[in-house]
C-alpha cells in the first residue's frame, strides 16, 4: 500500500508502512521512519556531506540484504549526490548525501536500516576527519572485554594529549573515535592506527589481536584499524542496526564504559533505538565534539616508544 508524506515541504511517496522489518520486536517500517524523524536533529550533522552507502533490508532483518553505493536512479530530484572516484571501478560513483530530513525518510522507506558513511567529507574524499578504532570481540568475548581495551586506548590517547569518544557499534562491539578535523591523509591515519593496534597487542597479548584473521580472535578483541581507509565506511552514530532488536549505535561516556567493565554486564551498553533517542534528548549529542574538535596526530615513533 502506497501513501504520500510531506516532509519539510517535499512530497515523498512511501509504501508498506505496516511491514514488519524486525520480526522478533514487531518493529515496522513506520517505526523505522518515526525513529529517524525524531533522531534527525542529532543524526543529520554526522551525515552531512558524507558519502552514504545504503544497506537495505527489503524483507526485514531476517531476510537478505544488499549494499548500494551508487545512489538509486529512481531517487527524487531533490536528493543530493556526490561523485567519488572509485579506484576499483576506475570511474566516479554517485553516492547519496543524506543532508536533510526528506532524504533520510526517503532512505528509510527503501528499508535502509543501517547508515554507513565515509570518514571524510565528499568534497575532500582523501582527507579523513577522524581516526577510528572498531573493537570487535571474538566469542566468547563480549563488549565488556571491549570496554577494557577501549579504556586502554583512552589511556594511550590521554597520554598523547588527544581526546577520544566512545560509542557502541549497535551490534556487539565498541568504537572509539579520535577527532582530527585538521589536514591529514588516510595513508597517515591508517598507518598510525595500525601502529596503535600492534602496540596494544604487545601490551595485552592475551586480550588483543591486531590481525584480521578470524581464527586468531577467539576470546580476544580485534582492534580493527583498517577502517581508516578512503574506500571503507563505518556505521554512523545513531544509525539503526539490523539485529533481532532495533538497536542503535549509541554514544556513551567513558564513565559508562568504566561502569560496564566493573559490573561485567554487557547489557549495560546495549541500547534499543528508543533508549538512544531518550538519551539524546536528555544528554544532547555526546558525539558533537567529534565534528568540530581540532587535533593533530603525533609522530609515529612517539607512540611505539
Protein backbone atom coordinates (compact mmCIF):
# COMPACT_ATOMS: atom_id res chain seq x y z
CA UNK A 1 0.00 0.00 0.00
CA UNK A 2 1.38 3.37 -1.03
CA UNK A 3 0.81 6.76 0.53
CA UNK A 4 2.41 10.17 0.49
CA UNK A 5 4.19 12.14 3.18
CA UNK A 6 5.14 15.79 3.14
CA UNK A 7 8.47 16.31 4.86
CA UNK A 8 9.80 19.83 5.16
CA UNK A 9 7.81 20.89 2.12
CA UNK A 10 8.87 17.95 -0.05
CA UNK A 11 6.36 15.30 -1.10
CA UNK A 12 7.54 11.77 -0.67
CA UNK A 13 5.88 8.51 -1.71
CA UNK A 14 6.11 5.81 0.96
CA UNK A 15 4.91 2.22 0.88
CA UNK A 16 4.21 -0.77 3.10
CA UNK A 17 4.44 1.20 6.33
CA UNK A 18 2.95 -1.73 8.27
CA UNK A 19 5.59 -4.15 7.01
CA UNK A 20 7.46 -5.71 9.94
CA UNK A 21 11.19 -5.24 9.46
CA UNK A 22 12.23 -6.57 12.89
CA UNK A 23 10.05 -9.68 13.35
CA UNK A 24 11.13 -10.52 16.92
CA UNK A 25 10.37 -6.96 18.01
CA UNK A 26 7.29 -6.34 15.86
CA UNK A 27 9.08 -3.18 14.66
CA UNK A 28 7.63 -1.91 11.38
CA UNK A 29 8.83 0.33 8.58
CA UNK A 30 6.61 3.03 10.10
CA UNK A 31 8.54 2.64 13.37
CA UNK A 32 11.85 2.89 11.49
CA UNK A 33 10.81 6.09 9.74
CA UNK A 34 9.47 7.50 13.01
CA UNK A 35 12.78 6.84 14.78
CA UNK A 36 14.81 8.52 12.05
CA UNK A 37 12.50 11.54 12.08
CA UNK A 38 12.90 12.01 15.83
CA UNK A 39 16.65 11.33 15.97
CA UNK A 40 17.33 13.52 12.90
CA UNK A 41 18.39 16.68 14.82
CA UNK A 42 21.22 14.68 16.38
CA UNK A 43 21.95 12.40 13.42
CA UNK A 44 21.96 14.73 10.42
CA UNK A 45 25.09 16.73 11.39
CA UNK A 46 27.03 13.45 11.32
CA UNK A 47 25.69 12.54 7.87
CA UNK A 48 26.06 15.94 6.25
CA UNK A 49 28.19 15.95 3.11
CA UNK A 50 29.45 12.40 3.69
CA UNK A 51 29.09 9.72 1.02
CA UNK A 52 26.40 7.35 2.22
CA UNK A 53 26.41 3.64 1.45
CA UNK A 54 22.92 2.22 1.74
CA UNK A 55 22.42 -1.14 3.45
CA UNK A 56 18.93 -2.25 2.54
CA UNK A 57 16.77 -4.98 4.05
CA UNK A 58 13.69 -5.15 1.78
CA UNK A 59 12.36 -8.21 3.60
CA UNK A 60 13.44 -7.18 7.08
CA UNK A 61 16.41 -8.19 9.21
CA UNK A 62 15.62 -11.89 8.84
CA UNK A 63 15.87 -11.67 5.05
CA UNK A 64 18.60 -10.93 2.56
CA UNK A 65 20.23 -7.51 2.43
CA UNK A 66 22.36 -5.67 -0.06
CA UNK A 67 24.73 -2.72 -0.09
CA UNK A 68 24.14 0.08 -2.55
CA UNK A 69 26.94 2.57 -3.12
CA UNK A 70 25.57 4.19 -6.26
CA UNK A 71 22.61 6.36 -5.35
CA UNK A 72 19.49 4.78 -6.91
CA UNK A 73 18.49 6.31 -10.24
CA UNK A 74 14.83 6.41 -9.14
CA UNK A 75 15.67 8.87 -6.38
CA UNK A 76 13.71 12.13 -6.09
CA UNK A 77 15.29 15.08 -7.86
CA UNK A 78 15.97 16.81 -4.56
CA UNK A 79 18.23 14.02 -3.23
CA UNK A 80 21.78 15.38 -3.43
CA UNK A 81 24.64 13.23 -4.68
CA UNK A 82 28.41 13.47 -4.82
CA UNK A 83 30.77 11.92 -7.38
CA UNK A 84 33.52 9.96 -5.62
CA UNK A 85 36.32 8.32 -7.55
CA UNK A 86 36.43 4.53 -7.26
CA UNK A 87 39.86 3.04 -7.85
CA UNK A 88 38.27 -0.39 -8.18
CA UNK A 89 35.82 0.73 -10.91
CA UNK A 90 38.18 3.31 -12.42
CA UNK A 91 35.30 5.77 -12.51
CA UNK A 92 33.23 8.04 -10.32
CA UNK A 93 30.37 6.66 -8.24
CA UNK A 94 27.47 8.99 -7.45
CA UNK A 95 26.86 8.50 -3.74
CA UNK A 96 23.77 9.74 -1.92
CA UNK A 97 24.20 12.59 0.55
CA UNK A 98 21.70 12.44 3.40
CA UNK A 99 21.91 16.13 4.17
CA UNK A 100 18.30 16.68 5.17
CA UNK A 101 15.28 15.03 6.75
CA UNK A 102 13.41 14.30 3.48
CA UNK A 103 16.41 12.32 2.20
CA UNK A 104 16.67 10.44 5.47
CA UNK A 105 12.99 9.48 5.31
CA UNK A 106 13.34 8.52 1.64
CA UNK A 107 16.23 6.18 2.52
CA UNK A 108 14.25 4.69 5.41
CA UNK A 109 11.37 3.99 3.05
CA UNK A 110 13.82 1.91 0.99
CA UNK A 111 14.32 -0.22 4.12
CA UNK A 112 17.79 1.24 4.51
CA UNK A 113 18.21 0.38 8.17
CA UNK A 114 21.92 1.00 8.53
CA UNK A 115 23.71 4.20 7.60
CA UNK A 116 27.33 3.63 6.62
CA UNK A 117 29.39 6.74 5.97
CA UNK A 118 32.86 7.74 4.93
CA UNK A 119 35.32 9.18 7.46
CA UNK A 120 35.85 12.13 5.11
CA UNK A 121 33.56 14.67 3.50
CA UNK A 122 32.57 14.29 -0.13
CA UNK A 123 34.49 17.35 -1.29
CA UNK A 124 37.71 16.10 0.33
CA UNK A 125 37.38 12.32 -0.03
CA UNK A 126 41.06 11.62 0.60
CA UNK A 127 41.26 13.65 3.82
CA UNK A 128 39.76 11.90 6.86
CA UNK A 129 38.26 13.94 9.68
CA UNK A 130 38.68 11.29 12.37
CA UNK A 131 40.69 8.31 13.44
CA UNK A 132 38.52 5.27 14.21
CA UNK A 133 39.07 2.01 16.08
CA UNK A 134 36.41 -0.67 15.81
CA UNK A 135 36.74 -3.03 18.77
CA UNK A 136 35.28 -6.35 17.68
CA UNK A 137 35.02 -9.15 20.27
CA UNK A 138 35.66 -12.73 19.22
CA UNK A 139 33.33 -15.13 21.07
CA UNK A 140 33.16 -15.88 23.92
CA UNK A 141 34.46 -12.33 24.49
CA UNK A 142 31.80 -9.61 24.52
CA UNK A 143 31.52 -5.84 24.77
CA UNK A 144 32.76 -5.93 28.37
CA UNK A 145 36.20 -7.01 27.15
CA UNK A 146 35.93 -4.26 24.51
CA UNK A 147 35.45 -1.81 27.38
CA UNK A 148 38.75 -2.91 28.91
CA UNK A 149 40.56 -2.47 25.61
CA UNK A 150 38.75 0.81 24.95
CA UNK A 151 39.91 2.22 28.26
CA UNK A 152 43.48 1.28 27.36
CA UNK A 153 43.03 3.20 24.12
CA UNK A 154 41.74 6.18 26.08
CA UNK A 155 44.73 5.99 28.41
CA UNK A 156 47.08 5.92 25.45
CA UNK A 157 45.48 8.92 23.77
CA UNK A 158 45.17 10.83 27.03
CA UNK A 159 48.92 10.46 27.32
CA UNK A 160 49.26 11.95 23.85
CA UNK A 161 47.01 14.87 24.76
CA UNK A 162 44.22 13.69 22.47
CA UNK A 163 40.56 13.41 23.40
CA UNK A 164 38.68 10.29 22.38
CA UNK A 165 34.98 9.47 22.21
CA UNK A 166 33.34 6.04 22.54
CA UNK A 167 30.13 4.74 21.03
CA UNK A 168 28.54 1.34 20.81
CA UNK A 169 28.55 -0.24 17.39
CA UNK A 170 24.91 -1.11 17.98
CA UNK A 171 25.93 -4.69 17.29
CA UNK A 172 28.39 -6.47 19.60
CA UNK A 173 31.34 -4.12 19.89
CA UNK A 174 32.60 -0.70 20.86
CA UNK A 175 34.04 2.00 18.63
CA UNK A 176 36.46 4.76 19.61
CA UNK A 177 36.77 7.97 17.59
CA UNK A 178 39.63 10.45 17.81
CA UNK A 179 38.57 13.73 16.17
CA UNK A 180 41.19 15.35 13.96
CA UNK A 181 39.48 17.93 11.74
CA UNK A 182 42.93 19.07 10.62
CA UNK A 183 44.76 18.31 7.36
CA UNK A 184 45.88 14.68 7.13
CA UNK A 185 45.68 11.68 4.81
CA UNK A 186 44.36 8.13 5.02
CA UNK A 187 47.88 6.91 4.43
CA UNK A 188 48.94 8.56 7.69
CA UNK A 189 45.87 7.71 9.77
CA UNK A 190 45.77 4.08 8.67
CA UNK A 191 49.47 3.59 9.36
CA UNK A 192 49.12 5.29 12.74
CA UNK A 193 46.07 3.20 13.65
CA UNK A 194 47.91 0.02 12.73
CA UNK A 195 50.83 1.01 14.96
CA UNK A 196 48.43 1.62 17.85
CA UNK A 197 46.76 -1.78 17.33
CA UNK A 198 50.15 -3.54 17.30
CA UNK A 199 51.16 -1.61 20.41
CA UNK A 200 48.03 -2.76 22.25
CA UNK A 201 48.52 -6.34 21.10
CA UNK A 202 52.03 -6.35 22.55
CA UNK A 203 50.79 -4.79 25.79
CA UNK A 204 47.74 -7.07 26.14
CA UNK A 205 48.61 -10.25 24.18
CA UNK A 206 46.00 -12.38 25.98
CA UNK A 207 43.22 -9.89 25.22
CA UNK A 208 44.02 -8.08 21.95
CA UNK A 209 44.68 -9.11 18.37
CA UNK A 210 45.67 -6.70 15.61
CA UNK A 211 45.46 -9.08 12.66
CA UNK A 212 42.21 -9.65 10.76
CA UNK A 213 42.40 -13.45 10.61
CA UNK A 214 39.26 -14.70 12.35
CA UNK A 215 40.91 -17.80 13.77
CA UNK A 216 43.10 -15.53 15.93
CA UNK A 217 40.16 -13.69 17.51
CA UNK A 218 38.69 -16.37 19.78
CA UNK A 219 38.17 -14.83 23.22
CA UNK A 220 40.06 -11.69 22.21
CA UNK A 221 39.22 -8.23 20.94
CA UNK A 222 40.21 -7.44 17.38
CA UNK A 223 41.32 -3.81 17.25
CA UNK A 224 40.23 -3.06 13.71
CA UNK A 225 42.47 -0.29 12.46
CA UNK A 226 41.70 -0.97 8.79
CA UNK A 227 38.53 1.16 8.81
CA UNK A 228 40.82 4.15 8.32
CA UNK A 229 40.74 3.91 4.56
CA UNK A 230 39.10 6.03 1.89
CA UNK A 231 37.18 3.08 0.40
CA UNK A 232 35.87 1.86 3.78
CA UNK A 233 32.79 3.00 5.66
CA UNK A 234 31.81 2.91 9.33
CA UNK A 235 28.31 2.73 10.75
CA UNK A 236 27.20 6.25 11.60
CA UNK A 237 26.40 7.26 15.15
CA UNK A 238 22.63 6.92 15.87
CA UNK A 239 22.17 4.50 12.97
CA UNK A 240 19.92 1.51 13.48
CA UNK A 241 21.48 -1.94 13.28
CA UNK A 242 19.96 -4.98 11.67
CA UNK A 243 19.84 -7.23 14.73
CA UNK A 244 16.93 -9.10 16.35
CA UNK A 245 16.01 -5.91 18.18
CA UNK A 246 16.22 -2.40 16.66
CA UNK A 247 19.37 -1.38 18.50
CA UNK A 248 21.28 1.76 17.55
CA UNK A 249 24.89 2.86 17.50
CA UNK A 250 24.88 4.99 20.62
CA UNK A 251 27.41 7.48 22.00
CA UNK A 252 28.38 6.77 25.59
CA UNK A 253 30.57 8.40 28.20
CA UNK A 254 33.84 6.93 29.35
CA UNK A 255 32.33 6.70 32.81
CA UNK A 256 29.61 4.44 31.40
CA UNK A 257 32.33 2.31 29.82
CA UNK A 258 34.08 2.01 33.19
CA UNK A 259 30.83 1.05 34.93
CA UNK A 260 30.06 -1.62 32.35
CA UNK A 261 33.55 -3.08 32.82
CA UNK A 262 33.21 -3.02 36.61
CA UNK A 263 29.79 -4.66 36.51
CA UNK A 264 30.81 -7.24 33.87
CA UNK A 265 27.33 -6.70 32.43
CA UNK A 266 27.30 -6.46 28.61
CA UNK A 267 23.64 -5.41 28.63
CA UNK A 268 24.58 -2.05 30.13
CA UNK A 269 25.84 -0.99 26.70
CA UNK A 270 23.02 -2.33 24.55
CA UNK A 271 20.53 0.35 23.57
CA UNK A 272 17.18 -0.06 21.87
CA UNK A 273 16.71 2.86 19.49
CA UNK A 274 14.02 4.28 21.80
CA UNK A 275 16.62 4.39 24.58
CA UNK A 276 19.12 6.03 22.23
CA UNK A 277 16.58 8.71 21.36
CA UNK A 278 15.69 9.32 25.01
CA UNK A 279 19.39 9.63 25.89
CA UNK A 280 19.99 12.14 23.10
CA UNK A 281 17.01 14.24 24.17
CA UNK A 282 18.23 14.23 27.77
CA UNK A 283 22.01 14.38 27.35
CA UNK A 284 22.34 16.12 23.99
CA UNK A 285 24.68 14.87 21.29
CA UNK A 286 27.63 13.35 23.14
CA UNK A 287 29.33 12.92 19.78
CA UNK A 288 29.08 16.58 18.71
CA UNK A 289 32.76 17.33 19.54
CA UNK A 290 33.83 14.68 17.03
CA UNK A 291 32.68 17.03 14.26
CA UNK A 292 34.49 20.14 15.46
CA UNK A 293 37.37 19.35 17.82
CA UNK A 294 40.70 20.01 16.08
CA UNK A 295 43.58 17.71 16.99
CA UNK A 296 46.76 16.51 15.30
CA UNK A 297 48.37 13.10 15.38
CA UNK A 298 51.82 12.93 16.97
CA UNK A 299 54.82 11.40 15.21
CA UNK A 300 54.70 7.62 14.86
CA UNK A 301 57.82 6.88 16.97
CA UNK A 302 56.38 8.80 19.88
CA UNK A 303 53.68 6.15 20.22
CA UNK A 304 55.64 2.95 19.98
CA UNK A 305 58.49 4.11 22.19
